[in-house]
Protein backbone atom coordinates (compact mmCIF):
# COMPACT_ATOMS: atom_id res chain seq x y z
CA MET A 1 0.00 0.00 0.00
CA VAL A 2 1.83 3.07 -1.27
CA TRP A 3 1.21 6.29 0.65
CA GLY A 4 3.96 8.64 -0.57
CA ALA A 5 5.77 7.59 -3.76
CA ILE A 6 4.39 9.50 -6.77
CA LEU A 7 6.00 7.86 -9.82
CA PRO A 8 3.01 6.98 -12.06
CA GLU A 9 4.60 3.72 -13.24
CA ILE A 10 4.17 2.20 -9.77
CA THR A 11 0.49 1.72 -10.53
CA TYR A 12 0.16 2.47 -14.24
CA GLY A 13 3.37 0.84 -15.47
CA ASN A 14 2.14 -2.69 -14.75
CA ASP A 15 -1.04 -4.48 -13.77
CA TYR A 16 -0.07 -5.85 -10.37
CA HIS A 17 -3.20 -6.50 -8.33
CA GLU A 18 -1.18 -6.57 -5.11
CA ILE A 19 -0.13 -2.90 -5.38
CA HIS A 20 -2.39 -0.06 -4.28
CA ARG A 21 -1.73 3.66 -3.85
CA VAL A 22 -3.76 6.12 -1.79
CA ASN A 23 -1.81 9.26 -2.73
CA GLY A 24 -1.69 10.84 -6.19
CA THR A 25 1.05 10.79 -8.80
CA MET A 26 3.38 13.06 -10.75
CA ILE A 27 0.63 13.30 -13.34
CA ASN A 28 -1.64 15.15 -10.90
CA GLU A 29 1.10 17.41 -9.60
CA GLY A 30 2.83 18.08 -12.92
CA LYS A 31 -0.40 18.96 -14.72
CA LEU A 32 -1.51 21.35 -12.01
CA ALA A 33 1.96 22.91 -11.77
CA ALA A 34 2.05 23.64 -15.50
CA GLU A 35 -1.45 25.08 -15.60
CA PHE A 36 -1.15 27.16 -12.42
CA LEU A 37 2.30 28.61 -13.11
CA THR A 38 1.52 29.69 -16.66
CA LYS A 39 -1.68 31.36 -15.44
CA GLN A 40 0.47 33.30 -12.97
CA GLY A 41 2.43 34.67 -15.94
CA PHE A 42 5.52 32.45 -15.79
CA LEU A 43 6.29 31.51 -19.38
CA LYS A 44 10.05 30.92 -19.57
CA TYR A 45 11.35 27.98 -17.50
CA VAL A 46 14.47 26.12 -16.45
CA VAL A 47 14.19 22.65 -14.91
CA VAL A 48 16.81 21.35 -12.48
CA HIS A 49 16.15 17.70 -11.67
CA ASP A 50 18.10 14.95 -10.00
CA THR A 51 19.09 11.88 -12.00
CA THR A 52 17.01 9.39 -10.01
CA ASP A 53 13.78 7.95 -11.43
CA TYR A 54 11.99 10.44 -9.20
CA GLY A 55 13.73 13.45 -10.70
CA LYS A 56 13.49 12.16 -14.26
CA GLY A 57 9.78 11.51 -13.80
CA GLN A 58 9.14 15.00 -12.48
CA ASN A 59 10.92 16.49 -15.48
CA LYS A 60 9.00 14.25 -17.89
CA TYR A 61 5.48 14.97 -16.70
CA PHE A 62 5.98 18.65 -15.92
CA SER A 63 7.57 19.21 -19.33
CA GLU A 64 4.73 17.45 -21.16
CA TYR A 65 2.01 19.46 -19.48
CA LEU A 66 3.94 22.74 -19.64
CA LYS A 67 4.11 22.50 -23.42
CA LEU A 68 0.34 22.04 -23.55
CA ALA A 69 -0.12 25.02 -21.21
CA GLY A 70 1.95 27.32 -23.41
CA GLY A 71 5.14 27.55 -21.36
CA GLU A 72 8.67 27.16 -22.72
CA ILE A 73 11.58 25.29 -21.16
CA VAL A 74 14.82 27.01 -22.24
CA ALA A 75 17.16 24.59 -20.44
CA ILE A 76 17.15 21.36 -18.44
CA PHE A 77 19.93 20.54 -15.97
CA PRO A 78 20.16 16.92 -14.74
CA VAL A 79 22.23 16.84 -11.55
CA SER A 80 23.35 14.23 -9.06
CA PRO A 81 21.05 14.11 -6.01
CA ASP A 82 24.06 14.64 -3.74
CA GLN A 83 25.62 17.51 -5.76
CA GLN A 84 26.66 20.30 -3.43
CA ASP A 85 27.78 23.16 -5.69
CA PHE A 86 25.45 24.60 -8.34
CA THR A 87 27.58 27.57 -9.35
CA ALA A 88 28.05 26.35 -12.93
CA GLU A 89 24.35 25.61 -13.47
CA LEU A 90 23.18 28.82 -11.81
CA THR A 91 25.64 30.93 -13.81
CA LYS A 92 24.12 29.57 -17.03
CA ILE A 93 20.62 30.03 -15.63
CA LYS A 94 21.40 33.66 -14.82
CA GLU A 95 22.36 34.24 -18.47
CA LEU A 96 19.12 32.61 -19.68
CA LYS A 97 16.96 34.84 -17.45
CA PRO A 98 14.06 32.40 -16.93
CA ASP A 99 10.89 33.44 -15.14
CA LEU A 100 10.95 30.32 -12.99
CA ILE A 101 13.14 27.41 -11.92
CA MET A 102 11.33 24.11 -11.39
CA VAL A 103 13.07 21.76 -8.96
CA GLY A 104 12.65 18.09 -9.78
CA GLY A 105 14.03 16.55 -6.63
CA LEU A 106 13.81 16.23 -2.88
CA THR A 107 14.42 18.64 -0.01
CA PRO A 108 18.27 18.57 0.09
CA LEU A 109 18.47 19.53 -3.59
CA GLY A 110 15.86 22.25 -3.16
CA VAL A 111 17.59 23.73 -0.12
CA ARG A 112 21.04 23.81 -1.72
CA LEU A 113 19.73 25.29 -4.95
CA ARG A 114 17.71 27.99 -3.20
CA ALA A 115 20.59 28.90 -0.90
CA GLN A 116 22.95 29.43 -3.83
CA MET A 117 20.55 31.35 -6.10
CA ASP A 118 21.02 34.64 -4.27
CA ARG A 119 24.79 34.26 -4.14
CA VAL A 120 24.98 33.93 -7.92
CA GLY A 121 22.35 36.61 -8.48
CA VAL A 122 19.54 34.48 -9.91
CA THR A 123 16.24 36.24 -9.32
CA ALA A 124 13.85 33.69 -10.86
CA GLN A 125 10.88 32.31 -8.96
CA LEU A 126 11.42 28.85 -7.44
CA ALA A 127 8.87 26.05 -7.51
CA GLY A 128 8.79 22.30 -6.93
CA VAL A 129 6.29 19.55 -6.35
CA SER A 130 5.73 17.60 -3.15
CA GLY A 131 9.38 16.49 -2.85
CA ILE A 132 10.24 19.82 -1.24
CA MET A 133 6.97 20.48 0.57
CA ASN A 134 8.02 19.77 4.12
CA ALA A 135 9.40 21.46 7.21
CA GLY A 136 12.92 20.44 6.22
CA PHE A 137 12.91 22.74 3.19
CA LEU A 138 11.55 25.68 5.19
CA GLU A 139 14.12 25.21 7.94
CA GLY A 140 17.01 24.55 5.57
CA ALA A 141 16.33 27.48 3.24
CA GLY A 142 15.36 29.81 6.07
CA ALA A 143 14.08 33.25 5.08
CA ALA A 144 14.97 32.52 1.44
CA ALA A 145 12.17 29.91 1.31
CA GLU A 146 9.57 32.69 1.37
CA GLY A 147 7.40 32.66 -1.73
CA THR A 148 8.49 29.22 -2.97
CA ILE A 149 5.59 27.43 -4.66
CA SER A 150 4.86 23.73 -4.28
CA PHE A 151 2.22 21.28 -5.45
CA HIS A 152 0.91 18.38 -3.41
CA ASN A 153 -1.88 15.86 -3.87
CA GLY A 154 -3.20 16.42 -0.37
CA ALA A 155 -5.29 19.29 0.93
CA PRO A 156 -4.53 20.80 4.36
CA ILE A 157 -5.62 18.43 7.12
CA THR A 158 -8.11 20.96 8.44
CA LYS A 159 -9.95 20.89 5.10
CA TYR A 160 -10.87 17.23 5.62
CA GLU A 161 -13.91 16.12 7.59
CA GLN A 162 -11.84 14.05 10.02
CA GLY A 163 -8.92 16.49 10.02
CA GLN A 164 -9.42 18.34 13.28
CA ALA A 165 -10.10 15.13 15.23
CA PHE A 166 -6.85 13.70 13.84
CA LEU A 167 -4.88 16.80 14.83
CA ASP A 168 -6.35 16.73 18.34
CA ALA A 169 -5.37 13.07 18.75
CA TYR A 170 -1.94 13.77 17.26
CA ALA A 171 -1.31 16.58 19.74
CA LYS A 172 -2.56 14.46 22.64
CA ALA A 173 -0.08 11.74 21.66
CA GLY A 174 2.72 14.21 22.33
CA PHE A 175 4.46 14.40 18.96
CA ARG A 176 6.82 17.37 18.86
CA GLU A 177 6.60 18.06 15.12
CA ASP A 178 3.55 18.71 12.96
CA PRO A 179 2.43 15.87 10.66
CA ASP A 180 4.45 15.88 7.43
CA ALA A 181 2.76 16.44 4.06
CA TYR A 182 2.32 12.71 3.43
CA GLY A 183 1.49 11.81 7.03
CA PRO A 184 -2.30 11.84 6.44
CA PHE A 185 -1.87 9.51 3.45
CA ALA A 186 0.23 7.09 5.51
CA TYR A 187 -2.40 7.11 8.24
CA SER A 188 -5.18 6.55 5.68
CA ALA A 189 -3.26 3.69 4.06
CA ALA A 190 -2.76 1.96 7.41
CA THR A 191 -6.42 2.26 8.43
CA LEU A 192 -7.56 1.00 5.02
CA ILE A 193 -5.44 -2.13 5.41
CA MET A 194 -6.46 -2.72 9.02
CA ASP A 195 -10.14 -2.34 8.22
CA ALA A 196 -9.77 -4.84 5.37
CA ILE A 197 -8.08 -7.37 7.68
CA GLU A 198 -10.81 -6.93 10.29
CA LYS A 199 -13.44 -7.57 7.65
CA VAL A 200 -12.03 -10.68 5.92
CA GLY A 201 -9.41 -11.91 8.39
CA PRO A 202 -5.62 -12.28 8.06
CA ASP A 203 -5.85 -13.85 4.61
CA ARG A 204 -3.58 -12.14 2.08
CA ALA A 205 -5.62 -13.15 -1.00
CA LYS A 206 -8.91 -12.06 0.53
CA VAL A 207 -7.44 -8.77 1.72
CA LYS A 208 -6.07 -8.11 -1.78
CA ASP A 209 -9.40 -8.87 -3.42
CA LEU A 210 -11.27 -6.61 -1.03
CA LEU A 211 -8.82 -3.73 -1.46
CA ASN A 212 -9.09 -4.03 -5.25
CA THR A 213 -12.78 -3.12 -5.04
CA THR A 214 -12.28 -0.07 -2.81
CA LYS A 215 -14.84 2.63 -3.57
CA ALA A 216 -16.07 5.52 -1.42
CA TYR A 217 -13.93 4.44 1.55
CA LYS A 218 -14.05 7.29 4.07
CA SER A 219 -10.54 8.09 5.25
CA LEU A 220 -8.64 10.99 6.77
CA VAL A 221 -7.78 12.26 3.26
CA GLY A 222 -11.36 12.01 2.06
CA GLU A 223 -12.92 9.25 0.00
CA ILE A 224 -10.57 6.65 -1.44
CA ASN A 225 -11.65 5.33 -4.82
CA PHE A 226 -9.32 2.98 -6.69
CA ASP A 227 -9.41 2.93 -10.47
CA ASP A 228 -8.68 -0.22 -12.51
CA HIS A 229 -4.96 0.06 -11.60
CA ARG A 230 -5.63 0.40 -7.86
CA GLN A 231 -4.73 4.09 -8.03
CA ASN A 232 -6.70 6.47 -5.85
CA ILE A 233 -8.42 9.20 -7.86
CA LEU A 234 -7.81 12.70 -6.53
CA ARG A 235 -6.63 16.17 -7.44
CA ALA A 236 -3.53 18.16 -6.53
CA ASN A 237 -3.35 21.44 -4.63
CA VAL A 238 -1.15 24.54 -4.65
CA TYR A 239 0.87 25.73 -1.64
CA VAL A 240 3.25 28.61 -1.01
CA ALA A 241 5.91 29.19 1.65
CA GLN A 242 4.72 32.07 3.80
CA ASP A 243 6.24 33.16 7.11
CA GLY A 244 8.00 29.84 7.63
CA LYS A 245 4.99 27.64 6.88
CA TRP A 246 3.49 25.94 3.85
CA VAL A 247 0.19 27.74 3.29
CA TYR A 248 -2.68 26.49 1.12
CA TRP A 249 -2.62 28.88 -1.84
CA PRO A 250 -6.29 30.02 -1.63
CA ASP A 251 -5.69 30.97 2.02
CA SER A 252 -2.39 32.78 1.38
CA GLU A 253 -1.57 36.47 1.19
CA TYR A 254 -0.10 35.78 -2.24
CA ALA A 255 -3.47 34.67 -3.57
CA ALA A 256 -5.02 37.78 -2.00
CA SER A 257 -2.37 39.95 -3.76
CA LYS A 258 -1.06 41.19 -0.41
CA ARG A 259 2.32 39.67 -1.28
CA LYS A 260 3.86 39.18 -4.69
CA LEU A 261 5.73 36.37 -6.36
CA ARG A 262 9.06 37.19 -8.01
CA LEU A 263 7.64 37.80 -11.46
CA ASN A 264 5.21 40.34 -10.07
């Protein structure tokens, strides 16, 4: 039961009836990213992605949907996920003068890239999908994280029917950090499995068969409905870093035009 990996091929690349995924994929996030960013006026892009399957996938799906949305990618920089110095890449990016840099990677890459942009004098907007949408990016990038845009398949916990009850129980349990972006999906995946076991018993084949027919299952992240590849059907959401927190775009001061993104 996948609750965080977003490579589409996990569910759509094969027809394995034992694999299920409650979170969305790069297709959801990449499509929304392309449509949202172009509507904000960002038309000239550079993509910096790591050379893992994760980074390559982000580049693939974002690039495909960006072309359909009318944006232009002027350069793509594949980098090692553990690369420390981006002076060479950022110097070329500065010359290209893109409106936006899309990060196709995880938090460490996003933090290092953002930290070095100002030093080289790159003034482009920074965006990434759910790989950077966590407290680690905000803490690592510090004040420079402000205004970074991210896309994630989950809505804020408080937007869900069971959200506040979950947060109350989470606080009562004494956890020192807030739930991470994929925490609600992990919780929903676990409860889905446990409910299936309670219903049919500890029989792997029966549990698999029951999970394969999942429709309208009420979970923390809303209804779970698996398609014919056991992929949950949902939509992505937009977030922005504001005052050291990831804020749901519709609730942000950026959406209200009280603060401006770099292009503006």
